[in-house]
Amino acid sequence: MNSSQRDERDKRDPDLCVITCALTGVLANRKQCPNLPYTPAEIGEEAKRAYDAGATVVHIHARNDDGSPTFSPQTFARIKDEVRKRSPVLLNFSTGTILEDVTEQCTYVRESRPAIAALNMGTMNYSKYSERKKEFVFDMVFPNTYAKIITLAKAMSEAGVKPELECFDSGHTQGVWPLVDMGVLRPPLQFSFIVNVLGGIPPTVESVQLQKQIAQGLAPGSEWEVIGISHCQWRMLATALVLGGNVRVGLEDNLYLPGGEMAKSNGDLVEVAARMVRDVGRKPATVAQTREILGLRADA
């Protein structure tokens, strides 16, 4: 980071907090939560509800109309159109896949040019265990080789799309440094620390502190957020807010409000997050402020 970039980062109001909402994901379905959006129009409606409640970024996975996941560039383009009809919220497209071939992901990043695209930073066991059943609900490996990461990162760079570095463990965060050294990633960076995925880092204050320390050592002045999966979400949001980070909520990550009732929309979850931001004396960032904080292009 050069001196002018450092000066700009120093101007960053530490009270401002970027709220992201992950609208649908790929794992949950309507049997678990009837309010999950599937179609581009439904995703557009949920994006507006999230924006109206205080989110300035929406994280997007695409689905077919039956709820199954898709990486179709045409579907991502339709989602962008449906979101844009309803609100100015900033788009963050997922690129996660268990496949090594990321041709479709690179295509929709280049063609739709969202403001941000998620970039998974390491291979891991990605599993879910049922204590009640004493068995794994699902058990898989999520492969993200450096070759795969570099291919996606180059597509993002060519399109002027900001990579959001999704780090499920401390090794993922530490593993960013060769890509910075190569010039594939250029600070200041945007990190997301995902906690409470089996195979990743646990949902503790100490985990977030460790991730923050590693990230700031690698790329001083970079932005970071916490993503808490399942019931730990609200505690982890509180941790991020106290430590100065940004936050993410949404039906992809957690279906329930703090009191235990199921959320009726993504907007319900964002409303709680925005209230928490204000309750600790911070302020939800606007779209314009988010664009400046994250270093996004002006037309994003």
C-alpha atoms as a PDB file:
ATOM      1  CA  MET A   1       0.000   0.000   0.000  1.00  0.00           C
ATOM      2  CA  ASN A   2       1.502   3.359  -1.027  1.00  0.00           C
ATOM      3  CA  SER A   3       1.418   6.538   1.081  1.00  0.00           C
ATOM      4  CA  SER A   4      -1.672   7.960  -0.637  1.00  0.00           C
ATOM      5  CA  GLN A   5      -3.589   4.723  -0.057  1.00  0.00           C
ATOM      6  CA  ARG A   6      -2.485   4.740   3.574  1.00  0.00           C
ATOM      7  CA  ASP A   7      -3.648   8.330   3.973  1.00  0.00           C
ATOM      8  CA  GLU A   8      -7.065   7.372   2.566  1.00  0.00           C
ATOM      9  CA  ARG A   9      -7.316   4.407   4.923  1.00  0.00           C
ATOM     10  CA  ASP A  10      -6.444   6.652   7.863  1.00  0.00           C
ATOM     11  CA  LYS A  11      -9.506   8.762   7.016  1.00  0.00           C
ATOM     12  CA  ARG A  12     -11.813   5.743   7.379  1.00  0.00           C
ATOM     13  CA  ASP A  13     -14.400   6.460  10.061  1.00  0.00           C
ATOM     14  CA  PRO A  14     -14.017   3.519  12.490  1.00  0.00           C
ATOM     15  CA  ASP A  15     -17.634   3.883  13.596  1.00  0.00           C
ATOM     16  CA  LEU A  16     -18.957   2.990  10.150  1.00  0.00           C
ATOM     17  CA  CYS A  17     -19.908  -0.652   9.682  1.00  0.00           C
ATOM     18  CA  VAL A  18     -20.673  -2.328   6.350  1.00  0.00           C
ATOM     19  CA  ILE A  19     -23.608  -4.741   6.658  1.00  0.00           C
ATOM     20  CA  THR A  20     -23.718  -7.546   4.101  1.00  0.00           C
ATOM     21  CA  CYS A  21     -26.653  -9.910   3.667  1.00  0.00           C
ATOM     22  CA  ALA A  22     -26.229 -13.420   2.206  1.00  0.00           C
ATOM     23  CA  LEU A  23     -29.647 -14.002   0.699  1.00  0.00           C
ATOM     24  CA  THR A  24     -29.997 -17.703  -0.094  1.00  0.00           C
ATOM     25  CA  GLY A  25     -26.860 -19.882  -0.274  1.00  0.00           C
ATOM     26  CA  VAL A  26     -27.027 -23.358  -1.820  1.00  0.00           C
ATOM     27  CA  LEU A  27     -27.456 -25.807   1.069  1.00  0.00           C
ATOM     28  CA  ALA A  28     -30.683 -24.791   2.822  1.00  0.00           C
ATOM     29  CA  ASN A  29     -34.058 -25.415   1.188  1.00  0.00           C
ATOM     30  CA  ARG A  30     -37.691 -24.476   1.688  1.00  0.00           C
ATOM     31  CA  LYS A  31     -38.361 -27.564   3.787  1.00  0.00           C
ATOM     32  CA  GLN A  32     -36.029 -25.990   6.346  1.00  0.00           C
ATOM     33  CA  CYS A  33     -37.106 -22.403   5.723  1.00  0.00           C
ATOM     34  CA  PRO A  34     -40.125 -21.596   3.521  1.00  0.00           C
ATOM     35  CA  ASN A  35     -38.929 -18.021   3.083  1.00  0.00           C
ATOM     36  CA  LEU A  36     -35.764 -18.791   1.102  1.00  0.00           C
ATOM     37  CA  PRO A  37     -35.673 -17.057  -2.301  1.00  0.00           C
ATOM     38  CA  TYR A  38     -35.004 -19.211  -5.357  1.00  0.00           C
ATOM     39  CA  THR A  39     -35.862 -17.298  -8.538  1.00  0.00           C
ATOM     40  CA  PRO A  40     -34.104 -14.136  -9.745  1.00  0.00           C
ATOM     41  CA  ALA A  41     -37.240 -12.080  -8.990  1.00  0.00           C
ATOM     42  CA  GLU A  42     -37.483 -13.526  -5.480  1.00  0.00           C
ATOM     43  CA  ILE A  43     -33.796 -12.799  -4.903  1.00  0.00           C
ATOM     44  CA  GLY A  44     -34.373  -9.250  -6.143  1.00  0.00           C
ATOM     45  CA  GLU A  45     -37.223  -8.803  -3.656  1.00  0.00           C
ATOM     46  CA  GLU A  46     -35.123 -10.151  -0.790  1.00  0.00           C
ATOM     47  CA  ALA A  47     -32.245  -7.882  -1.789  1.00  0.00           C
ATOM     48  CA  LYS A  48     -34.576  -4.897  -1.478  1.00  0.00           C
ATOM     49  CA  ARG A  49     -35.800  -6.049   1.934  1.00  0.00           C
ATOM     50  CA  ALA A  50     -32.193  -6.355   3.074  1.00  0.00           C
ATOM     51  CA  TYR A  51     -31.319  -2.935   1.662  1.00  0.00           C
ATOM     52  CA  ASP A  52     -34.356  -1.275   3.246  1.00  0.00           C
ATOM     53  CA  ALA A  53     -33.310  -2.730   6.614  1.00  0.00           C
ATOM     54  CA  GLY A  54     -29.749  -1.402   6.384  1.00  0.00           C
ATOM     55  CA  ALA A  55     -27.605  -3.726   4.258  1.00  0.00           C
ATOM     56  CA  THR A  56     -25.491  -2.165   1.522  1.00  0.00           C
ATOM     57  CA  VAL A  57     -24.084  -5.415   0.039  1.00  0.00           C
ATOM     58  CA  VAL A  58     -25.929  -8.606  -0.862  1.00  0.00           C
ATOM     59  CA  HIS A  59     -24.047 -11.881  -1.338  1.00  0.00           C
ATOM     60  CA  ILE A  60     -25.570 -13.874  -4.197  1.00  0.00           C
ATOM     61  CA  HIS A  61     -25.766 -17.567  -4.990  1.00  0.00           C
ATOM     62  CA  ALA A  62     -27.849 -18.461  -8.039  1.00  0.00           C
ATOM     63  CA  ARG A  63     -30.503 -21.161  -8.036  1.00  0.00           C
ATOM     64  CA  ASN A  64     -32.751 -22.752 -10.588  1.00  0.00           C
ATOM     65  CA  ASP A  65     -36.459 -22.201 -10.091  1.00  0.00           C
ATOM     66  CA  ASP A  66     -36.682 -25.546  -8.250  1.00  0.00           C
ATOM     67  CA  GLY A  67     -34.056 -24.402  -5.749  1.00  0.00           C
ATOM     68  CA  SER A  68     -31.128 -26.410  -7.087  1.00  0.00           C
ATOM     69  CA  PRO A  69     -27.840 -24.498  -7.431  1.00  0.00           C
ATOM     70  CA  THR A  70     -26.679 -23.161 -10.788  1.00  0.00           C
ATOM     71  CA  PHE A  71     -23.627 -21.318 -12.073  1.00  0.00           C
ATOM     72  CA  SER A  72     -25.333 -20.199 -15.279  1.00  0.00           C
ATOM     73  CA  PRO A  73     -24.010 -16.779 -16.357  1.00  0.00           C
ATOM     74  CA  GLN A  74     -27.470 -16.027 -17.766  1.00  0.00           C
ATOM     75  CA  THR A  75     -29.075 -16.630 -14.375  1.00  0.00           C
ATOM     76  CA  PHE A  76     -26.578 -14.368 -12.627  1.00  0.00           C
ATOM     77  CA  ALA A  77     -27.295 -11.677 -15.232  1.00  0.00           C
ATOM     78  CA  ARG A  78     -31.042 -12.023 -14.566  1.00  0.00           C
ATOM     79  CA  ILE A  79     -30.437 -11.740 -10.837  1.00  0.00           C
ATOM     80  CA  LYS A  80     -28.428  -8.562 -11.361  1.00  0.00           C
ATOM     81  CA  ASP A  81     -31.264  -7.079 -13.431  1.00  0.00           C
ATOM     82  CA  GLU A  82     -33.902  -8.006 -10.848  1.00  0.00           C
ATOM     83  CA  VAL A  83     -31.865  -6.523  -8.004  1.00  0.00           C
ATOM     84  CA  ARG A  84     -31.148  -3.333  -9.943  1.00  0.00           C
ATOM     85  CA  LYS A  85     -34.874  -2.810 -10.674  1.00  0.00           C
ATOM     86  CA  ARG A  86     -35.543  -2.576  -6.959  1.00  0.00           C
ATOM     87  CA  SER A  87     -32.586  -1.044  -5.110  1.00  0.00           C
ATOM     88  CA  PRO A  88     -29.032   0.338  -5.404  1.00  0.00           C
ATOM     89  CA  VAL A  89     -27.588  -2.313  -3.074  1.00  0.00           C
ATOM     90  CA  LEU A  90     -24.126  -3.531  -4.097  1.00  0.00           C
ATOM     91  CA  LEU A  91     -23.746  -7.033  -5.533  1.00  0.00           C
ATOM     92  CA  ASN A  92     -21.342  -9.694  -4.295  1.00  0.00           C
ATOM     93  CA  PHE A  93     -21.393 -12.863  -6.426  1.00  0.00           C
ATOM     94  CA  SER A  94     -20.304 -16.206  -5.027  1.00  0.00           C
ATOM     95  CA  THR A  95     -17.758 -18.183  -7.068  1.00  0.00           C
ATOM     96  CA  GLY A  96     -17.561 -21.200  -4.763  1.00  0.00           C
ATOM     97  CA  THR A  97     -17.598 -24.633  -6.396  1.00  0.00           C
ATOM     98  CA  ILE A  98     -16.239 -28.093  -5.632  1.00  0.00           C
ATOM     99  CA  LEU A  99     -15.200 -28.352  -9.294  1.00  0.00           C
ATOM    100  CA  GLU A 100     -11.765 -27.356 -10.545  1.00  0.00           C
ATOM    101  CA  ASP A 101     -13.242 -25.898 -13.745  1.00  0.00           C
ATOM    102  CA  VAL A 102     -14.334 -22.329 -12.991  1.00  0.00           C
ATOM    103  CA  THR A 103     -15.164 -21.278 -16.559  1.00  0.00           C
ATOM    104  CA  GLU A 104     -18.763 -20.356 -15.735  1.00  0.00           C
ATOM    105  CA  GLN A 105     -17.699 -18.384 -12.652  1.00  0.00           C
ATOM    106  CA  CYS A 106     -15.137 -16.405 -14.645  1.00  0.00           C
ATOM    107  CA  THR A 107     -17.733 -15.777 -17.348  1.00  0.00           C
ATOM    108  CA  TYR A 108     -20.369 -14.262 -15.066  1.00  0.00           C
ATOM    109  CA  VAL A 109     -17.755 -12.225 -13.206  1.00  0.00           C
ATOM    110  CA  ARG A 110     -16.561 -10.739 -16.508  1.00  0.00           C
ATOM    111  CA  GLU A 111     -20.022 -10.311 -18.065  1.00  0.00           C
ATOM    112  CA  SER A 112     -22.108  -9.107 -15.100  1.00  0.00           C
ATOM    113  CA  ARG A 113     -19.266  -7.274 -13.323  1.00  0.00           C
ATOM    114  CA  PRO A 114     -20.648  -7.236  -9.770  1.00  0.00           C
ATOM    115  CA  ALA A 115     -19.014  -4.849  -7.330  1.00  0.00           C
ATOM    116  CA  ILE A 116     -17.522  -7.764  -5.396  1.00  0.00           C
ATOM    117  CA  ALA A 117     -16.975 -11.492  -5.916  1.00  0.00           C
ATOM    118  CA  ALA A 118     -16.258 -14.006  -3.187  1.00  0.00           C
ATOM    119  CA  LEU A 119     -12.929 -15.831  -3.468  1.00  0.00           C
ATOM    120  CA  ASN A 120     -12.488 -18.933  -1.300  1.00  0.00           C
ATOM    121  CA  MET A 121      -8.938 -19.044  -0.005  1.00  0.00           C
ATOM    122  CA  GLY A 122      -8.224 -22.675   0.833  1.00  0.00           C
ATOM    123  CA  THR A 123      -9.136 -26.337   0.712  1.00  0.00           C
ATOM    124  CA  MET A 124     -10.952 -27.818   3.713  1.00  0.00           C
ATOM    125  CA  ASN A 125     -13.211 -30.544   5.040  1.00  0.00           C
ATOM    126  CA  TYR A 126     -16.707 -29.076   4.713  1.00  0.00           C
ATOM    127  CA  SER A 127     -19.034 -31.186   6.830  1.00  0.00           C
ATOM    128  CA  LYS A 128     -22.022 -31.067   9.143  1.00  0.00           C
ATOM    129  CA  TYR A 129     -22.399 -33.359  12.140  1.00  0.00           C
ATOM    130  CA  SER A 130     -25.614 -34.207  13.993  1.00  0.00           C
ATOM    131  CA  GLU A 131     -25.054 -34.711  17.712  1.00  0.00           C
ATOM    132  CA  ARG A 132     -28.575 -36.129  18.007  1.00  0.00           C
ATOM    133  CA  LYS A 133     -28.067 -38.748  15.275  1.00  0.00           C
ATOM    134  CA  LYS A 134     -24.365 -39.290  16.055  1.00  0.00           C
ATOM    135  CA  GLU A 135     -23.576 -39.099  12.356  1.00  0.00           C
ATOM    136  CA  PHE A 136     -22.523 -36.673   9.645  1.00  0.00           C
ATOM    137  CA  VAL A 137     -25.395 -35.023   7.791  1.00  0.00           C
ATOM    138  CA  PHE A 138     -22.999 -34.398   4.920  1.00  0.00           C
ATOM    139  CA  ASP A 139     -19.260 -34.903   4.524  1.00  0.00           C
ATOM    140  CA  MET A 140     -17.293 -33.436   1.663  1.00  0.00           C
ATOM    141  CA  VAL A 141     -14.030 -31.770   0.712  1.00  0.00           C
ATOM    142  CA  PHE A 142     -14.162 -28.194  -0.587  1.00  0.00           C
ATOM    143  CA  PRO A 143     -11.097 -27.970  -2.873  1.00  0.00           C
ATOM    144  CA  ASN A 144      -9.552 -24.587  -3.582  1.00  0.00           C
ATOM    145  CA  THR A 145      -6.085 -24.966  -5.035  1.00  0.00           C
ATOM    146  CA  TYR A 146      -3.885 -21.951  -5.704  1.00  0.00           C
ATOM    147  CA  ALA A 147      -4.294 -22.555  -9.445  1.00  0.00           C
ATOM    148  CA  LYS A 148      -8.074 -22.294  -9.065  1.00  0.00           C
ATOM    149  CA  ILE A 149      -7.804 -19.225  -6.837  1.00  0.00           C
ATOM    150  CA  ILE A 150      -5.439 -17.470  -9.264  1.00  0.00           C
ATOM    151  CA  THR A 151      -7.726 -18.152 -12.241  1.00  0.00           C
ATOM    152  CA  LEU A 152     -10.672 -16.563 -10.433  1.00  0.00           C
ATOM    153  CA  ALA A 153      -8.617 -13.682  -9.060  1.00  0.00           C
ATOM    154  CA  LYS A 154      -7.336 -12.782 -12.520  1.00  0.00           C
ATOM    155  CA  ALA A 155     -10.886 -12.764 -13.925  1.00  0.00           C
ATOM    156  CA  MET A 156     -11.945 -10.440 -11.098  1.00  0.00           C
ATOM    157  CA  SER A 157      -9.005  -8.129 -11.736  1.00  0.00           C
ATOM    158  CA  GLU A 158      -9.739  -7.953 -15.466  1.00  0.00           C
ATOM    159  CA  ALA A 159     -13.385  -7.055 -14.740  1.00  0.00           C
ATOM    160  CA  GLY A 160     -12.624  -4.481 -12.033  1.00  0.00           C
ATOM    161  CA  VAL A 161     -14.358  -6.660  -9.420  1.00  0.00           C
ATOM    162  CA  LYS A 162     -13.162  -6.563  -5.807  1.00  0.00           C
ATOM    163  CA  PRO A 163     -12.237  -9.996  -4.401  1.00  0.00           C
ATOM    164  CA  GLU A 164     -13.749 -10.821  -1.019  1.00  0.00           C
ATOM    165  CA  LEU A 165     -11.294 -13.270   0.531  1.00  0.00           C
ATOM    166  CA  GLU A 166     -13.322 -15.949   2.305  1.00  0.00           C
ATOM    167  CA  CYS A 167     -11.165 -17.503   5.020  1.00  0.00           C
ATOM    168  CA  PHE A 168     -12.596 -20.435   6.969  1.00  0.00           C
ATOM    169  CA  ASP A 169      -9.425 -21.010   8.972  1.00  0.00           C
ATOM    170  CA  SER A 170      -6.263 -19.202   9.984  1.00  0.00           C
ATOM    171  CA  GLY A 171      -4.269 -21.108   7.356  1.00  0.00           C
ATOM    172  CA  HIS A 172      -6.502 -19.650   4.660  1.00  0.00           C
ATOM    173  CA  THR A 173      -5.738 -16.142   5.892  1.00  0.00           C
ATOM    174  CA  GLN A 174      -2.008 -16.772   6.203  1.00  0.00           C
ATOM    175  CA  GLY A 175      -2.048 -18.394   2.778  1.00  0.00           C
ATOM    176  CA  VAL A 176      -2.943 -15.079   1.135  1.00  0.00           C
ATOM    177  CA  TRP A 177       0.629 -13.789   1.320  1.00  0.00           C
ATOM    178  CA  PRO A 178       2.062 -15.556  -1.791  1.00  0.00           C
ATOM    179  CA  LEU A 179      -0.739 -14.090  -3.893  1.00  0.00           C
ATOM    180  CA  VAL A 180       0.100 -10.617  -2.607  1.00  0.00           C
ATOM    181  CA  ASP A 181       3.799 -11.276  -3.280  1.00  0.00           C
ATOM    182  CA  MET A 182       2.944 -12.345  -6.855  1.00  0.00           C
ATOM    183  CA  GLY A 183       0.782  -9.266  -7.418  1.00  0.00           C
ATOM    184  CA  VAL A 184      -2.317 -11.388  -8.018  1.00  0.00           C
ATOM    185  CA  LEU A 185      -3.969  -9.684  -5.028  1.00  0.00           C
ATOM    186  CA  ARG A 186      -3.258  -6.046  -4.296  1.00  0.00           C
ATOM    187  CA  PRO A 187      -3.772  -4.460  -0.865  1.00  0.00           C
ATOM    188  CA  PRO A 188      -5.805  -3.071   0.703  1.00  0.00           C
ATOM    189  CA  LEU A 189      -7.723  -6.344   0.782  1.00  0.00           C
ATOM    190  CA  GLN A 190     -11.196  -7.367   1.899  1.00  0.00           C
ATOM    191  CA  PHE A 191     -11.309 -10.390   4.222  1.00  0.00           C
ATOM    192  CA  SER A 192     -14.264 -12.433   5.429  1.00  0.00           C
ATOM    193  CA  PHE A 193     -13.681 -14.660   8.435  1.00  0.00           C
ATOM    194  CA  ILE A 194     -16.180 -17.517   8.431  1.00  0.00           C
ATOM    195  CA  VAL A 195     -16.551 -19.250  11.788  1.00  0.00           C
ATOM    196  CA  ASN A 196     -18.368 -22.382  12.966  1.00  0.00           C
ATOM    197  CA  VAL A 197     -18.079 -24.491   9.811  1.00  0.00           C
ATOM    198  CA  LEU A 198     -16.898 -27.976  10.772  1.00  0.00           C
ATOM    199  CA  GLY A 199     -13.379 -28.197   9.375  1.00  0.00           C
ATOM    200  CA  GLY A 200     -12.806 -24.489   9.952  1.00  0.00           C
ATOM    201  CA  ILE A 201     -12.054 -22.190  12.845  1.00  0.00           C
ATOM    202  CA  PRO A 202     -14.353 -22.285  15.918  1.00  0.00           C
ATOM    203  CA  PRO A 203     -16.769 -19.462  16.849  1.00  0.00           C
ATOM    204  CA  THR A 204     -14.805 -17.728  19.597  1.00  0.00           C
ATOM    205  CA  VAL A 205     -13.558 -14.226  20.287  1.00  0.00           C
ATOM    206  CA  GLU A 206     -10.021 -15.577  20.204  1.00  0.00           C
ATOM    207  CA  SER A 207     -10.547 -16.990  16.696  1.00  0.00           C
ATOM    208  CA  VAL A 208     -11.623 -13.612  15.361  1.00  0.00           C
ATOM    209  CA  GLN A 209      -8.750 -11.865  17.109  1.00  0.00           C
ATOM    210  CA  LEU A 210      -6.281 -14.322  15.563  1.00  0.00           C
ATOM    211  CA  GLN A 211      -7.718 -13.884  12.078  1.00  0.00           C
ATOM    212  CA  LYS A 212      -7.684 -10.111  12.409  1.00  0.00           C
ATOM    213  CA  GLN A 213      -4.072 -10.144  13.592  1.00  0.00           C
ATOM    214  CA  ILE A 214      -2.934 -12.302  10.684  1.00  0.00           C
ATOM    215  CA  ALA A 215      -4.804 -10.228   8.095  1.00  0.00           C
ATOM    216  CA  GLN A 216      -3.560  -6.898   9.407  1.00  0.00           C
ATOM    217  CA  GLY A 217       0.004  -8.230   9.500  1.00  0.00           C
ATOM    218  CA  LEU A 218      -0.243  -9.272   5.854  1.00  0.00           C
ATOM    219  CA  ALA A 219      -2.050  -6.216   4.517  1.00  0.00           C
ATOM    220  CA  PRO A 220      -2.344  -3.281   6.945  1.00  0.00           C
ATOM    221  CA  GLY A 221      -5.436  -1.161   6.422  1.00  0.00           C
ATOM    222  CA  SER A 222      -7.471  -3.978   4.880  1.00  0.00           C
ATOM    223  CA  GLU A 223     -11.166  -4.414   5.685  1.00  0.00           C
ATOM    224  CA  TRP A 224     -12.590  -7.492   7.376  1.00  0.00           C
ATOM    225  CA  GLU A 225     -15.962  -8.917   8.348  1.00  0.00           C
ATOM    226  CA  VAL A 226     -17.186 -11.844  10.403  1.00  0.00           C
ATOM    227  CA  ILE A 227     -19.619 -14.475   9.133  1.00  0.00           C
ATOM    228  CA  GLY A 228     -21.095 -16.620  11.899  1.00  0.00           C
ATOM    229  CA  ILE A 229     -22.766 -19.820  10.747  1.00  0.00           C
ATOM    230  CA  SER A 230     -25.897 -21.038  12.544  1.00  0.00           C
ATOM    231  CA  HIS A 231     -26.817 -20.141  16.123  1.00  0.00           C
ATOM    232  CA  CYS A 232     -23.482 -18.506  16.984  1.00  0.00           C
ATOM    233  CA  GLN A 233     -24.154 -15.753  14.462  1.00  0.00           C
ATOM    234  CA  TRP A 234     -25.358 -13.100  16.884  1.00  0.00           C
ATOM    235  CA  ARG A 235     -22.472 -13.608  19.336  1.00  0.00           C
ATOM    236  CA  MET A 236     -19.989 -13.448  16.498  1.00  0.00           C
ATOM    237  CA  LEU A 237     -21.577 -10.262  15.142  1.00  0.00           C
ATOM    238  CA  ALA A 238     -21.165  -8.714  18.572  1.00  0.00           C
ATOM    239  CA  THR A 239     -17.511  -9.775  18.560  1.00  0.00           C
ATOM    240  CA  ALA A 240     -16.899  -8.189  15.165  1.00  0.00           C
ATOM    241  CA  LEU A 241     -18.614  -4.965  16.161  1.00  0.00           C
ATOM    242  CA  VAL A 242     -16.530  -4.574  19.315  1.00  0.00           C
ATOM    243  CA  LEU A 243     -13.280  -5.390  17.492  1.00  0.00           C
ATOM    244  CA  GLY A 244     -14.015  -2.877  14.710  1.00  0.00           C
ATOM    245  CA  GLY A 245     -15.027  -5.185  11.890  1.00  0.00           C
ATOM    246  CA  ASN A 246     -17.885  -5.342   9.429  1.00  0.00           C
ATOM    247  CA  VAL A 247     -20.683  -7.931   9.650  1.00  0.00           C
ATOM    248  CA  ARG A 248     -22.721 -10.335   7.541  1.00  0.00           C
ATOM    249  CA  VAL A 249     -26.120 -11.893   8.219  1.00  0.00           C
ATOM    250  CA  GLY A 250     -28.675 -13.628   6.007  1.00  0.00           C
ATOM    251  CA  LEU A 251     -30.644 -16.806   5.414  1.00  0.00           C
ATOM    252  CA  GLU A 252     -27.584 -18.475   3.876  1.00  0.00           C
ATOM    253  CA  ASP A 253     -25.841 -18.360   7.252  1.00  0.00           C
ATOM    254  CA  ASN A 254     -28.572 -18.589   9.886  1.00  0.00           C
ATOM    255  CA  LEU A 255     -32.352 -18.946   9.736  1.00  0.00           C
ATOM    256  CA  TYR A 256     -33.210 -17.704  13.227  1.00  0.00           C
ATOM    257  CA  LEU A 257     -33.579 -14.426  15.076  1.00  0.00           C
ATOM    258  CA  PRO A 258     -31.896 -14.027  18.493  1.00  0.00           C
ATOM    259  CA  GLY A 259     -35.081 -15.070  20.300  1.00  0.00           C
ATOM    260  CA  GLY A 260     -35.204 -18.385  18.450  1.00  0.00           C
ATOM    261  CA  GLU A 261     -38.035 -17.663  16.013  1.00  0.00           C
ATOM    262  CA  MET A 262     -37.417 -18.276  12.310  1.00  0.00           C
ATOM    263  CA  ALA A 263     -36.828 -15.151  10.241  1.00  0.00           C
ATOM    264  CA  LYS A 264     -39.598 -14.319   7.779  1.00  0.00           C
ATOM    265  CA  SER A 265     -37.156 -12.587   5.444  1.00  0.00           C
ATOM    266  CA  ASN A 266     -33.558 -11.500   5.120  1.00  0.00           C
ATOM    267  CA  GLY A 267     -34.765  -8.062   6.119  1.00  0.00           C
ATOM    268  CA  ASP A 268     -35.647  -9.376   9.587  1.00  0.00           C
ATOM    269  CA  LEU A 269     -32.045 -10.500  10.109  1.00  0.00           C
ATOM    270  CA  VAL A 270     -30.586  -7.243   8.798  1.00  0.00           C
ATOM    271  CA  GLU A 271     -32.839  -5.228  11.109  1.00  0.00           C
ATOM    272  CA  VAL A 272     -31.303  -6.985  14.114  1.00  0.00           C
ATOM    273  CA  ALA A 273     -27.777  -6.482  12.784  1.00  0.00           C
ATOM    274  CA  ALA A 274     -28.385  -2.766  12.153  1.00  0.00           C
ATOM    275  CA  ARG A 275     -29.772  -2.378  15.662  1.00  0.00           C
ATOM    276  CA  MET A 276     -26.705  -4.097  17.096  1.00  0.00           C
ATOM    277  CA  VAL A 277     -24.458  -1.764  15.105  1.00  0.00           C
ATOM    278  CA  ARG A 278     -26.198   1.251  16.604  1.00  0.00           C
ATOM    279  CA  ASP A 279     -26.358  -0.247  20.105  1.00  0.00           C
ATOM    280  CA  VAL A 280     -22.552  -0.396  20.316  1.00  0.00           C
ATOM    281  CA  GLY A 281     -22.252   3.211  19.154  1.00  0.00           C
ATOM    282  CA  ARG A 282     -21.408   2.520  15.529  1.00  0.00           C
ATOM    283  CA  LYS A 283     -23.274   3.456  12.331  1.00  0.00           C
ATOM    284  CA  PRO A 284     -24.437   1.355   9.358  1.00  0.00           C
ATOM    285  CA  ALA A 285     -22.589   2.551   6.274  1.00  0.00           C
ATOM    286  CA  THR A 286     -24.499   3.893   3.275  1.00  0.00           C
ATOM    287  CA  VAL A 287     -23.968   2.528  -0.240  1.00  0.00           C
ATOM    288  CA  ALA A 288     -21.703   5.480  -1.084  1.00  0.00           C
ATOM    289  CA  GLN A 289     -19.719   5.002   2.118  1.00  0.00           C
ATOM    290  CA  THR A 290     -19.449   1.261   1.491  1.00  0.00           C
ATOM    291  CA  ARG A 291     -18.121   1.877  -1.997  1.00  0.00           C
ATOM    292  CA  GLU A 292     -15.423   4.140  -0.545  1.00  0.00           C
ATOM    293  CA  ILE A 293     -14.596   1.892   2.438  1.00  0.00           C
ATOM    294  CA  LEU A 294     -14.160  -1.225   0.283  1.00  0.00           C
ATOM    295  CA  GLY A 295     -12.478   0.574  -2.608  1.00  0.00           C
ATOM    296  CA  LEU A 296     -15.084  -0.360  -5.208  1.00  0.00           C
ATOM    297  CA  ARG A 297     -15.299   1.081  -8.691  1.00  0.00           C
ATOM    298  CA  ALA A 298     -17.664   4.028  -9.133  1.00  0.00           C
ATOM    299  CA  ASP A 299     -20.125   2.253 -11.450  1.00  0.00           C
ATOM    300  CA  ALA A 300     -20.448  -0.869  -9.283  1.00  0.00           C
END
